[in-house]
All heavy atoms as atom14 arrays in JSON, in Angstrom:
{
  "sequence": "NGDVWTCCVRAQPVGNLRQTAYDLRPIWFEQVGCLR",
  "atom14_mask": [
    [1, 1, 1, 1, 1, 1, 1, 1, 0, 0, 0, 0, 0, 0],
    [1, 1, 1, 1, 0, 0, 0, 0, 0, 0, 0, 0, 0, 0],
    [1, 1, 1, 1, 1, 1, 1, 1, 0, 0, 0, 0, 0, 0],
    [1, 1, 1, 1, 1, 1, 1, 0, 0, 0, 0, 0, 0, 0],
    [1, 1, 1, 1, 1, 1, 1, 1, 1, 1, 1, 1, 1, 1],
    [1, 1, 1, 1, 1, 1, 1, 0, 0, 0, 0, 0, 0, 0],
    [1, 1, 1, 1, 1, 1, 0, 0, 0, 0, 0, 0, 0, 0],
    [1, 1, 1, 1, 1, 1, 0, 0, 0, 0, 0, 0, 0, 0],
    [1, 1, 1, 1, 1, 1, 1, 0, 0, 0, 0, 0, 0, 0],
    [1, 1, 1, 1, 1, 1, 1, 1, 1, 1, 1, 0, 0, 0],
    [1, 1, 1, 1, 1, 0, 0, 0, 0, 0, 0, 0, 0, 0],
    [1, 1, 1, 1, 1, 1, 1, 1, 1, 0, 0, 0, 0, 0],
    [1, 1, 1, 1, 1, 1, 1, 0, 0, 0, 0, 0, 0, 0],
    [1, 1, 1, 1, 1, 1, 1, 0, 0, 0, 0, 0, 0, 0],
    [1, 1, 1, 1, 0, 0, 0, 0, 0, 0, 0, 0, 0, 0],
    [1, 1, 1, 1, 1, 1, 1, 1, 0, 0, 0, 0, 0, 0],
    [1, 1, 1, 1, 1, 1, 1, 1, 0, 0, 0, 0, 0, 0],
    [1, 1, 1, 1, 1, 1, 1, 1, 1, 1, 1, 0, 0, 0],
    [1, 1, 1, 1, 1, 1, 1, 1, 1, 0, 0, 0, 0, 0],
    [1, 1, 1, 1, 1, 1, 1, 0, 0, 0, 0, 0, 0, 0],
    [1, 1, 1, 1, 1, 0, 0, 0, 0, 0, 0, 0, 0, 0],
    [1, 1, 1, 1, 1, 1, 1, 1, 1, 1, 1, 1, 0, 0],
    [1, 1, 1, 1, 1, 1, 1, 1, 0, 0, 0, 0, 0, 0],
    [1, 1, 1, 1, 1, 1, 1, 1, 0, 0, 0, 0, 0, 0],
    [1, 1, 1, 1, 1, 1, 1, 1, 1, 1, 1, 0, 0, 0],
    [1, 1, 1, 1, 1, 1, 1, 0, 0, 0, 0, 0, 0, 0],
    [1, 1, 1, 1, 1, 1, 1, 1, 0, 0, 0, 0, 0, 0],
    [1, 1, 1, 1, 1, 1, 1, 1, 1, 1, 1, 1, 1, 1],
    [1, 1, 1, 1, 1, 1, 1, 1, 1, 1, 1, 0, 0, 0],
    [1, 1, 1, 1, 1, 1, 1, 1, 1, 0, 0, 0, 0, 0],
    [1, 1, 1, 1, 1, 1, 1, 1, 1, 0, 0, 0, 0, 0],
    [1, 1, 1, 1, 1, 1, 1, 0, 0, 0, 0, 0, 0, 0],
    [1, 1, 1, 1, 0, 0, 0, 0, 0, 0, 0, 0, 0, 0],
    [1, 1, 1, 1, 1, 1, 0, 0, 0, 0, 0, 0, 0, 0],
    [1, 1, 1, 1, 1, 1, 1, 1, 0, 0, 0, 0, 0, 0],
    [1, 1, 1, 1, 1, 1, 1, 1, 1, 1, 1, 0, 0, 0]
  ],
  "atom14_positions": [
    [[85.72, 159.09, 148.51], [86.64, 158.58, 149.53], [88.11, 158.7, 149.13], [89.0, 158.25, 149.85], [86.32, 157.11, 149.86], [86.61, 156.18, 148.7], [86.92, 156.62, 147.6], [86.5, 154.89, 148.95], [0.0, 0.0, 0.0], [0.0, 0.0, 0.0], [0.0, 0.0, 0.0], [0.0, 0.0, 0.0], [0.0, 0.0, 0.0], [0.0, 0.0, 0.0]],
    [[88.38, 159.3, 147.94], [89.75, 159.47, 147.48], [90.22, 158.42, 146.49], [91.32, 158.54, 145.94], [0.0, 0.0, 0.0], [0.0, 0.0, 0.0], [0.0, 0.0, 0.0], [0.0, 0.0, 0.0], [0.0, 0.0, 0.0], [0.0, 0.0, 0.0], [0.0, 0.0, 0.0], [0.0, 0.0, 0.0], [0.0, 0.0, 0.0], [0.0, 0.0, 0.0]],
    [[89.41, 157.38, 146.26], [89.8, 156.38, 145.27], [89.89, 157.01, 143.89], [89.05, 157.83, 143.51], [88.78, 155.23, 145.2], [88.93, 154.24, 146.34], [89.97, 154.26, 147.03], [88.0, 153.42, 146.53], [0.0, 0.0, 0.0], [0.0, 0.0, 0.0], [0.0, 0.0, 0.0], [0.0, 0.0, 0.0], [0.0, 0.0, 0.0], [0.0, 0.0, 0.0]],
    [[90.91, 156.6, 143.13], [91.09, 157.07, 141.75], [90.69, 155.92, 140.84], [91.15, 154.79, 141.01], [92.56, 157.48, 141.5], [92.77, 157.88, 140.04], [92.96, 158.61, 142.43], [0.0, 0.0, 0.0], [0.0, 0.0, 0.0], [0.0, 0.0, 0.0], [0.0, 0.0, 0.0], [0.0, 0.0, 0.0], [0.0, 0.0, 0.0], [0.0, 0.0, 0.0]],
    [[89.82, 156.22, 139.89], [89.36, 155.23, 138.91], [89.77, 155.68, 137.52], [89.81, 156.89, 137.24], [87.83, 155.12, 138.91], [87.17, 154.8, 140.2], [87.67, 154.09, 141.25], [85.84, 155.18, 140.58], [86.74, 154.0, 142.26], [85.6, 154.66, 141.86], [84.82, 155.91, 139.96], [84.39, 154.84, 142.53], [83.62, 156.09, 140.61], [83.42, 155.55, 141.89]],
    [[90.0, 154.74, 136.62], [90.23, 155.11, 135.22], [88.94, 155.65, 134.62], [88.96, 156.56, 133.81], [90.7, 153.9, 134.39], [89.74, 152.85, 134.51], [92.07, 153.44, 134.82], [0.0, 0.0, 0.0], [0.0, 0.0, 0.0], [0.0, 0.0, 0.0], [0.0, 0.0, 0.0], [0.0, 0.0, 0.0], [0.0, 0.0, 0.0], [0.0, 0.0, 0.0]],
    [[87.82, 155.07, 135.02], [86.51, 155.56, 134.56], [85.47, 155.16, 135.6], [85.66, 154.22, 136.36], [86.15, 155.02, 133.19], [85.66, 153.29, 133.15], [0.0, 0.0, 0.0], [0.0, 0.0, 0.0], [0.0, 0.0, 0.0], [0.0, 0.0, 0.0], [0.0, 0.0, 0.0], [0.0, 0.0, 0.0], [0.0, 0.0, 0.0], [0.0, 0.0, 0.0]],
    [[84.36, 155.88, 135.6], [83.35, 155.61, 136.61], [82.46, 154.44, 136.25], [81.75, 153.92, 137.11], [82.52, 156.86, 136.9], [81.54, 157.41, 135.52], [0.0, 0.0, 0.0], [0.0, 0.0, 0.0], [0.0, 0.0, 0.0], [0.0, 0.0, 0.0], [0.0, 0.0, 0.0], [0.0, 0.0, 0.0], [0.0, 0.0, 0.0], [0.0, 0.0, 0.0]],
    [[82.48, 154.0, 135.02], [81.69, 152.83, 134.65], [82.31, 151.58, 135.27], [81.63, 150.76, 135.88], [81.55, 152.69, 133.12], [80.88, 151.39, 132.73], [80.78, 153.88, 132.56], [0.0, 0.0, 0.0], [0.0, 0.0, 0.0], [0.0, 0.0, 0.0], [0.0, 0.0, 0.0], [0.0, 0.0, 0.0], [0.0, 0.0, 0.0], [0.0, 0.0, 0.0]],
    [[83.61, 151.46, 135.17], [84.29, 150.3, 135.76], [84.47, 150.48, 137.27], [84.42, 149.52, 138.02], [85.64, 150.09, 135.09], [85.48, 149.53, 133.68], [86.8, 149.27, 133.08], [86.8, 147.92, 132.5], [87.8, 147.46, 131.8], [88.89, 148.17, 131.6], [87.75, 146.25, 131.31], [0.0, 0.0, 0.0], [0.0, 0.0, 0.0], [0.0, 0.0, 0.0]],
    [[84.73, 151.69, 137.69], [84.84, 152.03, 139.11], [85.76, 151.1, 139.88], [85.45, 150.68, 140.99], [83.46, 152.09, 139.75], [0.0, 0.0, 0.0], [0.0, 0.0, 0.0], [0.0, 0.0, 0.0], [0.0, 0.0, 0.0], [0.0, 0.0, 0.0], [0.0, 0.0, 0.0], [0.0, 0.0, 0.0], [0.0, 0.0, 0.0], [0.0, 0.0, 0.0]],
    [[86.91, 150.8, 139.31], [87.9, 149.96, 139.98], [89.02, 150.86, 140.48], [89.7, 151.5, 139.69], [88.46, 148.92, 139.01], [87.43, 147.89, 138.58], [87.99, 146.97, 137.52], [87.82, 147.22, 136.34], [88.67, 145.92, 137.96], [0.0, 0.0, 0.0], [0.0, 0.0, 0.0], [0.0, 0.0, 0.0], [0.0, 0.0, 0.0], [0.0, 0.0, 0.0]],
    [[89.23, 150.92, 141.79], [90.28, 151.79, 142.32], [91.67, 151.37, 141.84], [92.0, 150.19, 141.82], [90.17, 151.62, 143.83], [88.83, 151.01, 144.07], [88.5, 150.23, 142.84], [0.0, 0.0, 0.0], [0.0, 0.0, 0.0], [0.0, 0.0, 0.0], [0.0, 0.0, 0.0], [0.0, 0.0, 0.0], [0.0, 0.0, 0.0], [0.0, 0.0, 0.0]],
    [[92.46, 152.36, 141.43], [93.85, 152.11, 141.05], [94.79, 152.72, 142.08], [96.0, 152.58, 141.99], [94.17, 152.65, 139.64], [93.34, 151.91, 138.6], [93.94, 154.15, 139.54], [0.0, 0.0, 0.0], [0.0, 0.0, 0.0], [0.0, 0.0, 0.0], [0.0, 0.0, 0.0], [0.0, 0.0, 0.0], [0.0, 0.0, 0.0], [0.0, 0.0, 0.0]],
    [[94.22, 153.39, 143.06], [94.97, 154.01, 144.14], [94.04, 154.92, 144.91], [92.87, 155.08, 144.55], [0.0, 0.0, 0.0], [0.0, 0.0, 0.0], [0.0, 0.0, 0.0], [0.0, 0.0, 0.0], [0.0, 0.0, 0.0], [0.0, 0.0, 0.0], [0.0, 0.0, 0.0], [0.0, 0.0, 0.0], [0.0, 0.0, 0.0], [0.0, 0.0, 0.0]],
    [[94.57, 155.49, 145.99], [93.75, 156.37, 146.81], [94.57, 157.62, 147.16], [95.69, 157.51, 147.66], [93.29, 155.67, 148.09], [92.29, 156.49, 148.85], [92.64, 157.51, 149.44], [91.04, 156.06, 148.83], [0.0, 0.0, 0.0], [0.0, 0.0, 0.0], [0.0, 0.0, 0.0], [0.0, 0.0, 0.0], [0.0, 0.0, 0.0], [0.0, 0.0, 0.0]],
    [[93.99, 158.77, 146.88], [94.7, 160.03, 147.11], [95.03, 160.26, 148.57], [96.03, 160.92, 148.9], [93.87, 161.2, 146.56], [93.78, 161.28, 145.04], [92.8, 162.36, 144.62], [95.15, 161.52, 144.44], [0.0, 0.0, 0.0], [0.0, 0.0, 0.0], [0.0, 0.0, 0.0], [0.0, 0.0, 0.0], [0.0, 0.0, 0.0], [0.0, 0.0, 0.0]],
    [[94.25, 159.73, 149.47], [94.54, 159.9, 150.9], [95.85, 159.21, 151.29], [96.5, 159.61, 152.24], [93.39, 159.35, 151.74], [92.13, 160.18, 151.6], [91.0, 159.58, 152.38], [89.8, 160.4, 152.23], [88.67, 160.15, 152.81], [88.54, 159.1, 153.62], [87.64, 160.93, 152.61], [0.0, 0.0, 0.0], [0.0, 0.0, 0.0], [0.0, 0.0, 0.0]],
    [[96.21, 158.17, 150.54], [97.44, 157.43, 150.83], [98.66, 158.05, 150.19], [99.79, 157.62, 150.44], [97.28, 155.98, 150.38], [96.19, 155.25, 151.14], [95.86, 153.9, 150.54], [96.35, 153.52, 149.48], [95.0, 153.16, 151.23], [0.0, 0.0, 0.0], [0.0, 0.0, 0.0], [0.0, 0.0, 0.0], [0.0, 0.0, 0.0], [0.0, 0.0, 0.0]],
    [[98.47, 159.08, 149.35], [99.59, 159.73, 148.68], [99.63, 161.23, 148.99], [100.15, 162.01, 148.2], [99.52, 159.54, 147.15], [98.31, 160.15, 146.68], [99.58, 158.08, 146.77], [0.0, 0.0, 0.0], [0.0, 0.0, 0.0], [0.0, 0.0, 0.0], [0.0, 0.0, 0.0], [0.0, 0.0, 0.0], [0.0, 0.0, 0.0], [0.0, 0.0, 0.0]],
    [[99.08, 161.62, 150.13], [99.0, 163.03, 150.52], [98.34, 163.86, 149.42], [98.74, 164.98, 149.13], [100.38, 163.57, 150.88], [0.0, 0.0, 0.0], [0.0, 0.0, 0.0], [0.0, 0.0, 0.0], [0.0, 0.0, 0.0], [0.0, 0.0, 0.0], [0.0, 0.0, 0.0], [0.0, 0.0, 0.0], [0.0, 0.0, 0.0], [0.0, 0.0, 0.0]],
    [[97.33, 163.26, 148.78], [96.54, 163.9, 147.72], [97.36, 164.28, 146.49], [97.02, 165.19, 145.75], [95.75, 165.11, 148.26], [94.76, 164.66, 149.3], [95.09, 164.67, 150.65], [93.51, 164.18, 148.92], [94.19, 164.21, 151.61], [92.62, 163.72, 149.88], [92.96, 163.74, 151.22], [92.09, 163.28, 152.16], [0.0, 0.0, 0.0], [0.0, 0.0, 0.0]],
    [[98.41, 163.52, 146.26], [99.26, 163.7, 145.07], [98.89, 162.6, 144.07], [99.07, 161.42, 144.33], [100.73, 163.6, 145.49], [101.68, 163.89, 144.34], [101.23, 164.09, 143.19], [102.9, 163.91, 144.6], [0.0, 0.0, 0.0], [0.0, 0.0, 0.0], [0.0, 0.0, 0.0], [0.0, 0.0, 0.0], [0.0, 0.0, 0.0], [0.0, 0.0, 0.0]],
    [[98.4, 162.99, 142.92], [97.98, 162.03, 141.9], [99.16, 161.36, 141.19], [99.05, 160.22, 140.73], [97.08, 162.73, 140.87], [96.51, 161.88, 139.74], [95.59, 160.78, 140.3], [95.75, 162.74, 138.75], [0.0, 0.0, 0.0], [0.0, 0.0, 0.0], [0.0, 0.0, 0.0], [0.0, 0.0, 0.0], [0.0, 0.0, 0.0], [0.0, 0.0, 0.0]],
    [[100.29, 162.04, 141.13], [101.43, 161.53, 140.36], [101.85, 160.1, 140.72], [102.04, 159.29, 139.8], [102.61, 162.48, 140.46], [102.38, 163.77, 139.67], [103.47, 164.74, 139.89], [103.44, 165.11, 141.32], [104.14, 166.05, 141.88], [105.0, 166.73, 141.17], [104.02, 166.33, 143.15], [0.0, 0.0, 0.0], [0.0, 0.0, 0.0], [0.0, 0.0, 0.0]],
    [[102.01, 159.75, 141.98], [102.44, 158.38, 142.26], [101.42, 157.33, 141.78], [101.81, 156.22, 141.38], [102.56, 158.32, 143.78], [102.56, 159.72, 144.25], [101.91, 160.55, 143.18], [0.0, 0.0, 0.0], [0.0, 0.0, 0.0], [0.0, 0.0, 0.0], [0.0, 0.0, 0.0], [0.0, 0.0, 0.0], [0.0, 0.0, 0.0], [0.0, 0.0, 0.0]],
    [[100.17, 157.67, 141.8], [99.13, 156.73, 141.35], [99.13, 156.65, 139.83], [99.11, 155.56, 139.25], [97.74, 157.17, 141.86], [97.71, 157.15, 143.39], [96.63, 156.31, 141.25], [96.49, 157.83, 144.0], [0.0, 0.0, 0.0], [0.0, 0.0, 0.0], [0.0, 0.0, 0.0], [0.0, 0.0, 0.0], [0.0, 0.0, 0.0], [0.0, 0.0, 0.0]],
    [[99.19, 157.78, 139.19], [98.96, 157.88, 137.74], [100.17, 157.51, 136.9], [100.05, 156.98, 135.81], [98.51, 159.29, 137.4], [97.68, 159.37, 136.17], [98.01, 160.0, 135.01], [96.4, 158.81, 135.96], [96.99, 159.87, 134.1], [95.99, 159.14, 134.67], [95.54, 158.04, 136.76], [94.78, 158.74, 134.13], [94.33, 157.66, 136.23], [93.96, 158.0, 134.93]],
    [[101.38, 157.77, 137.4], [102.55, 157.59, 136.57], [103.38, 156.36, 136.9], [104.24, 155.98, 136.11], [103.43, 158.85, 136.6], [102.75, 160.02, 135.96], [102.35, 161.09, 136.74], [102.49, 160.04, 134.61], [101.71, 162.18, 136.16], [101.85, 161.11, 134.02], [101.46, 162.19, 134.8], [0.0, 0.0, 0.0], [0.0, 0.0, 0.0], [0.0, 0.0, 0.0]],
    [[103.18, 155.73, 138.05], [103.96, 154.54, 138.37], [103.46, 153.31, 137.61], [104.19, 152.35, 137.43], [104.0, 154.3, 139.88], [104.84, 155.35, 140.58], [104.91, 155.14, 142.08], [104.56, 154.05, 142.56], [105.33, 156.08, 142.77], [0.0, 0.0, 0.0], [0.0, 0.0, 0.0], [0.0, 0.0, 0.0], [0.0, 0.0, 0.0], [0.0, 0.0, 0.0]],
    [[102.22, 153.36, 137.16], [101.62, 152.32, 136.32], [101.89, 150.91, 136.85], [102.45, 150.07, 136.16], [102.13, 152.43, 134.89], [101.74, 153.72, 134.22], [102.11, 153.71, 132.76], [102.11, 152.68, 132.13], [102.4, 154.87, 132.24], [0.0, 0.0, 0.0], [0.0, 0.0, 0.0], [0.0, 0.0, 0.0], [0.0, 0.0, 0.0], [0.0, 0.0, 0.0]],
    [[101.49, 150.68, 138.06], [101.68, 149.35, 138.62], [100.34, 148.62, 138.72], [99.28, 149.24, 138.8], [102.32, 149.42, 140.03], [103.74, 149.97, 139.94], [101.49, 150.27, 140.98], [0.0, 0.0, 0.0], [0.0, 0.0, 0.0], [0.0, 0.0, 0.0], [0.0, 0.0, 0.0], [0.0, 0.0, 0.0], [0.0, 0.0, 0.0], [0.0, 0.0, 0.0]],
    [[100.41, 147.31, 138.7], [99.26, 146.45, 138.99], [97.99, 146.77, 138.25], [97.91, 146.69, 137.04], [0.0, 0.0, 0.0], [0.0, 0.0, 0.0], [0.0, 0.0, 0.0], [0.0, 0.0, 0.0], [0.0, 0.0, 0.0], [0.0, 0.0, 0.0], [0.0, 0.0, 0.0], [0.0, 0.0, 0.0], [0.0, 0.0, 0.0], [0.0, 0.0, 0.0]],
    [[96.99, 147.14, 139.01], [95.64, 147.33, 138.51], [95.56, 148.39, 137.41], [94.87, 148.19, 136.41], [94.71, 147.69, 139.67], [92.99, 147.82, 139.21], [0.0, 0.0, 0.0], [0.0, 0.0, 0.0], [0.0, 0.0, 0.0], [0.0, 0.0, 0.0], [0.0, 0.0, 0.0], [0.0, 0.0, 0.0], [0.0, 0.0, 0.0], [0.0, 0.0, 0.0]],
    [[96.26, 149.5, 137.56], [96.22, 150.56, 136.56], [96.76, 150.05, 135.23], [96.17, 150.29, 134.17], [96.99, 151.79, 137.01], [97.03, 152.96, 136.01], [95.62, 153.42, 135.65], [97.85, 154.11, 136.57], [0.0, 0.0, 0.0], [0.0, 0.0, 0.0], [0.0, 0.0, 0.0], [0.0, 0.0, 0.0], [0.0, 0.0, 0.0], [0.0, 0.0, 0.0]],
    [[97.86, 149.34, 135.26], [98.44, 148.79, 134.04], [97.44, 147.86, 133.35], [97.23, 147.94, 132.14], [99.74, 148.06, 134.32], [100.4, 147.51, 133.05], [101.7, 146.76, 133.31], [102.68, 147.67, 133.89], [103.41, 147.38, 134.97], [103.29, 146.23, 135.58], [104.27, 148.25, 135.44], [0.0, 0.0, 0.0], [0.0, 0.0, 0.0], [0.0, 0.0, 0.0]]
  ]
}
């Protein structure tokens, strides 16, 4: 569904590629909230 997880065991979404026009950079490098 476009959710990005740090790992599939935890499977906690840190963002969704559909919300960033399929650009991983805003999800991966902004390091906000859940990802941090």
